[in-house]
Amino acid sequence: MTTDEFIGVLKKIQKGDSQAAEKLYNEYFPKIYISIWQILKDRNDSYDVAMDVFIKLCMYPNVDGIRTHKWFIKVMAENAAKDFLRTRKHLADLSKYENRITVQMEEALWITDIVKELTDEETEILISHVIWNEKFSVIAARKNVSVITIKRKYKRIKAKIETLYQK
């Protein structure tokens, strides 16, 4: 989906089009969930925060101001996860934080097995490239390293994944 198509879908959702909402959910909810899970490391909390992000995304008032929709969604998801962690610290201090019912998301959870074998940096590179389709040059610029460095790290990530699935 291009950014213009994305904006069009959001406008349809805001006019009450449930099919547009379903289309957006099917395409982006798993990506939102995985990005949040990468930070929270908890399926239940990640699902709750991802659903909040999806709802906020659907109601976002300035849709015409979105320049790059994938980046916009990714940053929105990461910020929501970080906000949740800040709130969670306050709740933990008050001993009011409780576990939630596990929600099954079979299509999105295969990645949990993989990231157990990866470092946080490797997980970020994998999700940025595979889930969000970011080019190595974009990832390298964000991390302030060379493209070659990111390609080497990605090659090691692939080797780890291949080893995992050969077991």
Foldseek 3Di string as FASTA:
>chain_A
DFLVVVLVLLVVVVVPDVVSLVVCCVQPLLLLLLLLCLLVVDQVVSNVLSVVLSVCSSVPDPSVPDDGVLVVSSVSSNVSSVVVVVVVVVCVVVVNDDDDDHDDDPVNCVCVLLCVQPDSVLSVLCSCCPVSVDQLCVVCVVVVHDSVVSVVSPVVSVVSVVVVVVD
